[in-house]
Amino acid sequence: MAKTIKKKNIPKTKKTYVSPFSAYWTKTNYAIFFTGIAVIVIGFFFMSMGPWNSVSSLDISPVLLIIGYLIILPISILYTKKESTDPTKVTDTQVK
């Protein structure tokens, strides 16, 4: 006669996934990002003004687009607030 084996009831835990961007993107990052988007939109607006060989289309617009794409947007991605090094501030690791 075969023995019956009872299975143990193991409680299942649900895994919760936290967005990796919640720790990196702050209000400052979003403000810088939307400023970059605004500069890019203004650059395209200047590009559309007047004839193709106007000062706004050939001089102002490329400068604004370069500033928006190559300076402001990367700053918004890479910007992190530095932690203060106040010696009077006690952290959790120092308490233990």
N, C-alpha and C. Protein backbone atom coordinates (compact mmCIF):
# COMPACT_ATOMS: atom_id res chain seq x y z
N MET A 1 0.82 -1.16 0.00
CA MET A 1 0.00 0.00 0.00
C MET A 1 0.89 1.25 0.00
N ALA A 2 0.51 2.24 -0.84
CA ALA A 2 1.31 3.45 -0.97
C ALA A 2 0.92 4.45 0.11
N LYS A 3 1.92 5.14 0.57
CA LYS A 3 1.67 6.18 1.58
C LYS A 3 1.32 7.49 0.88
N THR A 4 0.40 8.20 1.44
CA THR A 4 0.06 9.52 0.89
C THR A 4 0.89 10.57 1.61
N ILE A 5 1.44 11.45 0.83
CA ILE A 5 2.27 12.52 1.39
C ILE A 5 1.46 13.81 1.36
N LYS A 6 1.38 14.44 2.50
CA LYS A 6 0.66 15.71 2.58
C LYS A 6 1.59 16.84 2.18
N LYS A 7 1.08 17.71 1.33
CA LYS A 7 1.86 18.88 0.92
C LYS A 7 1.70 19.98 1.95
N LYS A 8 2.81 20.64 2.22
CA LYS A 8 2.78 21.75 3.17
C LYS A 8 2.22 22.98 2.48
N ASN A 9 1.40 23.68 3.20
CA ASN A 9 0.86 24.93 2.67
C ASN A 9 1.88 26.04 2.92
N ILE A 10 2.52 26.47 1.85
CA ILE A 10 3.50 27.54 1.94
C ILE A 10 2.80 28.84 1.55
N PRO A 11 2.83 29.81 2.43
CA PRO A 11 2.16 31.07 2.09
C PRO A 11 2.92 31.77 0.95
N LYS A 12 2.17 32.20 -0.04
CA LYS A 12 2.78 32.88 -1.17
C LYS A 12 2.85 34.37 -0.87
N THR A 13 4.02 34.94 -1.12
CA THR A 13 4.20 36.36 -0.94
C THR A 13 4.24 37.02 -2.30
N LYS A 14 3.56 38.12 -2.40
CA LYS A 14 3.54 38.84 -3.66
C LYS A 14 4.76 39.76 -3.71
N LYS A 15 5.43 39.74 -4.84
CA LYS A 15 6.56 40.62 -5.02
C LYS A 15 6.04 41.97 -5.52
N THR A 16 6.52 43.02 -4.90
CA THR A 16 6.16 44.34 -5.36
C THR A 16 7.39 44.95 -6.01
N TYR A 17 7.20 45.47 -7.18
CA TYR A 17 8.28 46.08 -7.91
C TYR A 17 8.20 47.59 -7.78
N VAL A 18 9.31 48.18 -7.42
CA VAL A 18 9.38 49.63 -7.26
C VAL A 18 10.03 50.20 -8.51
N SER A 19 9.48 51.26 -9.00
CA SER A 19 10.03 51.89 -10.20
C SER A 19 11.43 52.41 -9.91
N PRO A 20 12.38 52.11 -10.77
CA PRO A 20 13.74 52.60 -10.52
C PRO A 20 13.85 54.12 -10.70
N PHE A 21 12.89 54.74 -11.36
CA PHE A 21 12.96 56.17 -11.59
C PHE A 21 12.43 56.98 -10.42
N SER A 22 11.73 56.35 -9.50
CA SER A 22 11.19 57.11 -8.38
C SER A 22 12.29 57.62 -7.46
N ALA A 23 13.41 56.91 -7.40
CA ALA A 23 14.49 57.34 -6.54
C ALA A 23 15.36 58.41 -7.20
N TYR A 24 15.34 58.51 -8.51
CA TYR A 24 16.24 59.40 -9.20
C TYR A 24 15.59 60.70 -9.64
N TRP A 25 14.36 60.66 -10.07
CA TRP A 25 13.71 61.84 -10.61
C TRP A 25 12.96 62.58 -9.51
N THR A 26 13.39 63.79 -9.25
CA THR A 26 12.73 64.64 -8.26
C THR A 26 12.01 65.78 -8.98
N LYS A 27 11.41 66.66 -8.22
CA LYS A 27 10.72 67.80 -8.82
C LYS A 27 11.70 68.69 -9.59
N THR A 28 12.91 68.78 -9.08
CA THR A 28 13.93 69.59 -9.76
C THR A 28 14.26 69.00 -11.12
N ASN A 29 14.40 67.68 -11.19
CA ASN A 29 14.68 67.03 -12.47
C ASN A 29 13.57 67.27 -13.47
N TYR A 30 12.33 67.16 -13.04
CA TYR A 30 11.20 67.39 -13.94
C TYR A 30 11.15 68.85 -14.39
N ALA A 31 11.47 69.79 -13.48
CA ALA A 31 11.46 71.21 -13.85
C ALA A 31 12.53 71.49 -14.90
N ILE A 32 13.72 70.93 -14.73
CA ILE A 32 14.78 71.11 -15.71
C ILE A 32 14.40 70.46 -17.03
N PHE A 33 13.79 69.27 -16.98
CA PHE A 33 13.39 68.57 -18.19
C PHE A 33 12.37 69.37 -18.99
N PHE A 34 11.34 69.88 -18.33
CA PHE A 34 10.31 70.63 -19.03
C PHE A 34 10.83 71.99 -19.51
N THR A 35 11.83 72.55 -18.82
CA THR A 35 12.49 73.75 -19.32
C THR A 35 13.21 73.44 -20.63
N GLY A 36 13.88 72.29 -20.69
CA GLY A 36 14.54 71.88 -21.92
C GLY A 36 13.56 71.66 -23.05
N ILE A 37 12.44 71.06 -22.76
CA ILE A 37 11.40 70.86 -23.79
C ILE A 37 10.89 72.21 -24.28
N ALA A 38 10.71 73.16 -23.37
CA ALA A 38 10.24 74.49 -23.77
C ALA A 38 11.27 75.19 -24.66
N VAL A 39 12.55 75.06 -24.33
CA VAL A 39 13.59 75.67 -25.15
C VAL A 39 13.61 75.04 -26.54
N ILE A 40 13.42 73.74 -26.62
CA ILE A 40 13.39 73.05 -27.91
C ILE A 40 12.18 73.51 -28.75
N VAL A 41 11.03 73.64 -28.12
CA VAL A 41 9.84 74.10 -28.83
C VAL A 41 10.04 75.53 -29.33
N ILE A 42 10.65 76.38 -28.51
CA ILE A 42 10.93 77.75 -28.94
C ILE A 42 11.92 77.75 -30.11
N GLY A 43 12.90 76.84 -30.06
CA GLY A 43 13.85 76.72 -31.16
C GLY A 43 13.17 76.33 -32.46
N PHE A 44 12.25 75.38 -32.40
CA PHE A 44 11.52 75.00 -33.62
C PHE A 44 10.59 76.13 -34.08
N PHE A 45 10.06 76.89 -33.14
CA PHE A 45 9.23 78.04 -33.52
C PHE A 45 10.05 79.07 -34.28
N PHE A 46 11.26 79.38 -33.77
CA PHE A 46 12.13 80.31 -34.48
C PHE A 46 12.53 79.77 -35.85
N MET A 47 12.68 78.46 -35.96
CA MET A 47 13.04 77.87 -37.24
C MET A 47 11.92 78.04 -38.27
N SER A 48 10.70 78.05 -37.81
CA SER A 48 9.58 78.14 -38.75
C SER A 48 9.24 79.58 -39.14
N MET A 49 9.84 80.55 -38.47
CA MET A 49 9.52 81.95 -38.76
C MET A 49 10.24 82.44 -40.01
N GLY A 50 9.53 83.19 -40.81
CA GLY A 50 10.13 83.87 -41.95
C GLY A 50 10.66 82.94 -43.02
N PRO A 51 11.41 83.49 -43.95
CA PRO A 51 11.99 82.67 -45.01
C PRO A 51 13.12 81.79 -44.47
N TRP A 52 13.58 80.87 -45.29
CA TRP A 52 14.57 79.90 -44.82
C TRP A 52 15.92 80.54 -44.53
N ASN A 53 16.23 81.70 -45.11
CA ASN A 53 17.53 82.31 -44.90
C ASN A 53 17.48 83.50 -43.94
N SER A 54 16.50 83.54 -43.06
CA SER A 54 16.40 84.64 -42.10
C SER A 54 17.35 84.39 -40.93
N VAL A 55 17.58 85.44 -40.16
CA VAL A 55 18.48 85.35 -39.01
C VAL A 55 17.92 84.39 -37.97
N SER A 56 16.63 84.41 -37.76
CA SER A 56 16.04 83.54 -36.75
C SER A 56 16.13 82.07 -37.15
N SER A 57 16.01 81.79 -38.44
CA SER A 57 16.07 80.40 -38.90
C SER A 57 17.49 79.86 -38.94
N LEU A 58 18.45 80.69 -39.25
CA LEU A 58 19.82 80.21 -39.42
C LEU A 58 20.72 80.41 -38.21
N ASP A 59 20.42 81.38 -37.35
CA ASP A 59 21.32 81.67 -36.23
C ASP A 59 20.72 81.36 -34.86
N ILE A 60 19.54 81.87 -34.60
CA ILE A 60 18.94 81.73 -33.27
C ILE A 60 18.42 80.31 -33.04
N SER A 61 17.73 79.76 -34.01
CA SER A 61 17.11 78.45 -33.87
C SER A 61 18.12 77.32 -33.60
N PRO A 62 19.23 77.21 -34.35
CA PRO A 62 20.17 76.13 -34.05
C PRO A 62 20.81 76.25 -32.68
N VAL A 63 21.05 77.48 -32.24
CA VAL A 63 21.64 77.68 -30.91
C VAL A 63 20.67 77.20 -29.84
N LEU A 64 19.40 77.57 -29.97
CA LEU A 64 18.41 77.13 -28.98
C LEU A 64 18.24 75.61 -28.99
N LEU A 65 18.25 75.01 -30.17
CA LEU A 65 18.10 73.56 -30.25
C LEU A 65 19.31 72.83 -29.66
N ILE A 66 20.50 73.33 -29.90
CA ILE A 66 21.70 72.72 -29.32
C ILE A 66 21.68 72.85 -27.81
N ILE A 67 21.31 74.02 -27.31
CA ILE A 67 21.22 74.21 -25.86
C ILE A 67 20.18 73.25 -25.27
N GLY A 68 19.04 73.12 -25.93
CA GLY A 68 17.98 72.25 -25.40
C GLY A 68 18.36 70.78 -25.42
N TYR A 69 18.86 70.31 -26.58
CA TYR A 69 19.15 68.89 -26.74
C TYR A 69 20.45 68.46 -26.05
N LEU A 70 21.49 69.26 -26.14
CA LEU A 70 22.80 68.81 -25.68
C LEU A 70 23.19 69.31 -24.30
N ILE A 71 22.46 70.27 -23.77
CA ILE A 71 22.83 70.79 -22.44
C ILE A 71 21.72 70.56 -21.41
N ILE A 72 20.53 71.08 -21.69
CA ILE A 72 19.47 71.06 -20.67
C ILE A 72 18.92 69.66 -20.44
N LEU A 73 18.60 68.91 -21.49
CA LEU A 73 18.04 67.56 -21.29
C LEU A 73 19.03 66.61 -20.60
N PRO A 74 20.32 66.57 -20.97
CA PRO A 74 21.24 65.72 -20.20
C PRO A 74 21.40 66.15 -18.75
N ILE A 75 21.36 67.46 -18.50
CA ILE A 75 21.44 67.93 -17.12
C ILE A 75 20.24 67.42 -16.33
N SER A 76 19.06 67.43 -16.95
CA SER A 76 17.87 66.96 -16.22
C SER A 76 17.97 65.48 -15.90
N ILE A 77 18.65 64.71 -16.74
CA ILE A 77 18.79 63.28 -16.48
C ILE A 77 19.86 63.02 -15.43
N LEU A 78 20.96 63.74 -15.49
CA LEU A 78 22.11 63.46 -14.63
C LEU A 78 22.11 64.22 -13.31
N TYR A 79 21.23 65.17 -13.12
CA TYR A 79 21.23 66.00 -11.91
C TYR A 79 20.80 65.17 -10.69
N THR A 80 21.62 65.21 -9.65
CA THR A 80 21.25 64.63 -8.36
C THR A 80 21.62 65.63 -7.28
N LYS A 81 20.81 65.70 -6.26
CA LYS A 81 21.06 66.61 -5.16
C LYS A 81 22.09 65.99 -4.24
N LYS A 82 23.12 66.74 -3.92
CA LYS A 82 24.16 66.24 -3.03
C LYS A 82 23.64 66.26 -1.60
N GLU A 83 24.00 65.22 -0.86
CA GLU A 83 23.59 65.16 0.54
C GLU A 83 24.46 66.10 1.36
N SER A 84 23.86 66.72 2.36
CA SER A 84 24.62 67.63 3.20
C SER A 84 25.54 66.85 4.12
N THR A 85 26.69 67.42 4.41
CA THR A 85 27.67 66.78 5.28
C THR A 85 27.70 67.48 6.62
N ASP A 86 26.53 67.74 7.17
CA ASP A 86 26.42 68.41 8.46
C ASP A 86 26.83 67.44 9.56
N PRO A 87 27.88 67.75 10.33
CA PRO A 87 28.34 66.80 11.35
C PRO A 87 27.37 66.63 12.51
N THR A 88 26.44 67.56 12.70
CA THR A 88 25.50 67.44 13.80
C THR A 88 24.32 66.54 13.45
N LYS A 89 24.15 66.25 12.18
CA LYS A 89 23.03 65.42 11.74
C LYS A 89 23.37 63.95 11.98
N VAL A 90 22.46 63.23 12.65
CA VAL A 90 22.67 61.83 12.97
C VAL A 90 21.87 60.99 11.97
N THR A 91 22.54 60.01 11.37
CA THR A 91 21.87 59.12 10.45
C THR A 91 21.54 57.80 11.13
N ASP A 92 20.77 56.96 10.46
CA ASP A 92 20.39 55.67 11.02
C ASP A 92 21.59 54.75 11.21
N THR A 93 22.58 54.83 10.35
CA THR A 93 23.73 53.94 10.47
C THR A 93 24.60 54.31 11.65
N GLN A 94 24.60 55.58 12.07
CA GLN A 94 25.39 56.00 13.21
C GLN A 94 24.73 55.60 14.52
N VAL A 95 23.43 55.45 14.53
CA VAL A 95 22.71 55.12 15.76
C VAL A 95 22.97 53.68 16.17
N LYS A 96 23.05 52.78 15.21
CA LYS A 96 23.23 51.36 15.50
C LYS A 96 24.59 51.15 16.01
